[in-house]
Each structure stands twice: as C-alpha cells, then as structure tokens.
Amino acid sequence: MLAKFKILHKLTAAVLLIAAMVGGCVWYAQGRMTAIDDAYSVFLVREARAPASASRLNRI
C-alpha cells in the first residue's frame, strides 16, 4: 500500500504526525501550567493575608 507513494510524501506524513503529537503535548502542558499558576496565585494571596490576621489575633 505505501509502495505507491513517493518517499517525500512518506517523510512529510511522518513529520506532520510527530508535529501534531508535539503540538498536543504542548497544549496539554500549557493548560496544566495555567492551572498550577492559578492555584499558586491563590496560595500567595492567602499567604499575604496571614501576617495581618496573625497581628490582629495577637491584639485580642
């Protein structure tokens, strides 16, 4: 079946397949990194509020 295709077409198909796989991996990793960044931002906001809350608790 593949014998009737030229080598250039076979190589192009292989490169396009690998490029699609790499693109999918990059898309997935970018989505996960965005989720991690959002979670870390929430953590930092809560961490910044902690010293203010601690000083208020010490006054009571």
C-alpha atoms as a PDB file:
ATOM      1  CA  MET A   1       0.000   0.000   0.000  1.00  0.00           C
ATOM      2  CA  LEU A   2       2.727   2.509   0.915  1.00  0.00           C
ATOM      3  CA  ALA A   3       4.862   1.398  -2.002  1.00  0.00           C
ATOM      4  CA  LYS A   4       2.936   3.582  -4.437  1.00  0.00           C
ATOM      5  CA  PHE A   5       3.731   6.796  -2.507  1.00  0.00           C
ATOM      6  CA  LYS A   6       6.942   8.714  -3.018  1.00  0.00           C
ATOM      7  CA  ILE A   7       9.452   8.855  -0.162  1.00  0.00           C
ATOM      8  CA  LEU A   8       8.948  12.605   0.188  1.00  0.00           C
ATOM      9  CA  HIS A   9       5.246  12.095   0.908  1.00  0.00           C
ATOM     10  CA  LYS A  10       6.033   9.389   3.457  1.00  0.00           C
ATOM     11  CA  LEU A  11       8.555  11.598   5.257  1.00  0.00           C
ATOM     12  CA  THR A  12       6.176  14.558   5.198  1.00  0.00           C
ATOM     13  CA  ALA A  13       3.411  12.440   6.707  1.00  0.00           C
ATOM     14  CA  ALA A  14       5.736  11.216   9.476  1.00  0.00           C
ATOM     15  CA  VAL A  15       6.923  14.732  10.273  1.00  0.00           C
ATOM     16  CA  LEU A  16       3.350  16.049  10.343  1.00  0.00           C
ATOM     17  CA  LEU A  17       2.289  13.240  12.675  1.00  0.00           C
ATOM     18  CA  ILE A  18       5.150  13.989  15.067  1.00  0.00           C
ATOM     19  CA  ALA A  19       4.399  17.720  14.878  1.00  0.00           C
ATOM     20  CA  ALA A  20       0.749  17.062  15.755  1.00  0.00           C
ATOM     21  CA  MET A  21       1.798  14.948  18.740  1.00  0.00           C
ATOM     22  CA  VAL A  22       4.218  17.612  19.958  1.00  0.00           C
ATOM     23  CA  GLY A  23       1.558  20.289  19.494  1.00  0.00           C
ATOM     24  CA  GLY A  24      -0.879  18.259  21.575  1.00  0.00           C
ATOM     25  CA  CYS A  25       1.694  17.777  24.320  1.00  0.00           C
ATOM     26  CA  VAL A  26       2.498  21.490  24.387  1.00  0.00           C
ATOM     27  CA  TRP A  27      -1.213  22.356  24.529  1.00  0.00           C
ATOM     28  CA  TYR A  28      -1.758  19.929  27.414  1.00  0.00           C
ATOM     29  CA  ALA A  29       1.305  21.157  29.330  1.00  0.00           C
ATOM     30  CA  GLN A  30       0.277  24.788  28.844  1.00  0.00           C
ATOM     31  CA  GLY A  31      -3.157  24.040  30.266  1.00  0.00           C
ATOM     32  CA  ARG A  32      -1.680  22.295  33.289  1.00  0.00           C
ATOM     33  CA  MET A  33       0.804  25.124  33.883  1.00  0.00           C
ATOM     34  CA  THR A  34      -2.042  27.651  33.788  1.00  0.00           C
ATOM     35  CA  ALA A  35      -3.902  25.639  36.423  1.00  0.00           C
ATOM     36  CA  ILE A  36      -0.777  25.445  38.583  1.00  0.00           C
ATOM     37  CA  ASP A  37      -0.199  29.184  38.206  1.00  0.00           C
ATOM     38  CA  ASP A  38      -3.778  29.963  39.230  1.00  0.00           C
ATOM     39  CA  ALA A  39      -3.550  27.725  42.284  1.00  0.00           C
ATOM     40  CA  TYR A  40      -0.212  29.235  43.306  1.00  0.00           C
ATOM     41  CA  SER A  41      -1.594  32.760  42.904  1.00  0.00           C
ATOM     42  CA  VAL A  42      -4.456  31.902  45.274  1.00  0.00           C
ATOM     43  CA  PHE A  43      -1.931  30.449  47.717  1.00  0.00           C
ATOM     44  CA  LEU A  44       0.172  33.610  47.631  1.00  0.00           C
ATOM     45  CA  VAL A  45      -2.844  35.849  48.220  1.00  0.00           C
ATOM     46  CA  ARG A  46      -3.848  33.788  51.241  1.00  0.00           C
ATOM     47  CA  GLU A  47      -0.265  33.721  52.495  1.00  0.00           C
ATOM     48  CA  ALA A  48      -0.056  37.511  52.249  1.00  0.00           C
ATOM     49  CA  ARG A  49      -3.178  37.857  54.402  1.00  0.00           C
ATOM     50  CA  ALA A  50      -1.806  35.556  57.127  1.00  0.00           C
ATOM     51  CA  PRO A  51       0.598  38.054  58.811  1.00  0.00           C
ATOM     52  CA  ALA A  52      -2.167  40.674  59.035  1.00  0.00           C
ATOM     53  CA  SER A  53      -4.517  38.155  60.577  1.00  0.00           C
ATOM     54  CA  ALA A  54      -1.835  36.979  62.991  1.00  0.00           C
ATOM     55  CA  SER A  55      -1.138  40.510  64.202  1.00  0.00           C
ATOM     56  CA  ARG A  56      -4.851  41.075  64.759  1.00  0.00           C
ATOM     57  CA  LEU A  57      -5.101  37.840  66.731  1.00  0.00           C
ATOM     58  CA  ASN A  58      -2.184  38.879  68.947  1.00  0.00           C
ATOM     59  CA  ARG A  59      -4.026  42.052  69.957  1.00  0.00           C
ATOM     60  CA  ILE A  60      -7.048  40.156  71.228  1.00  0.00           C
END
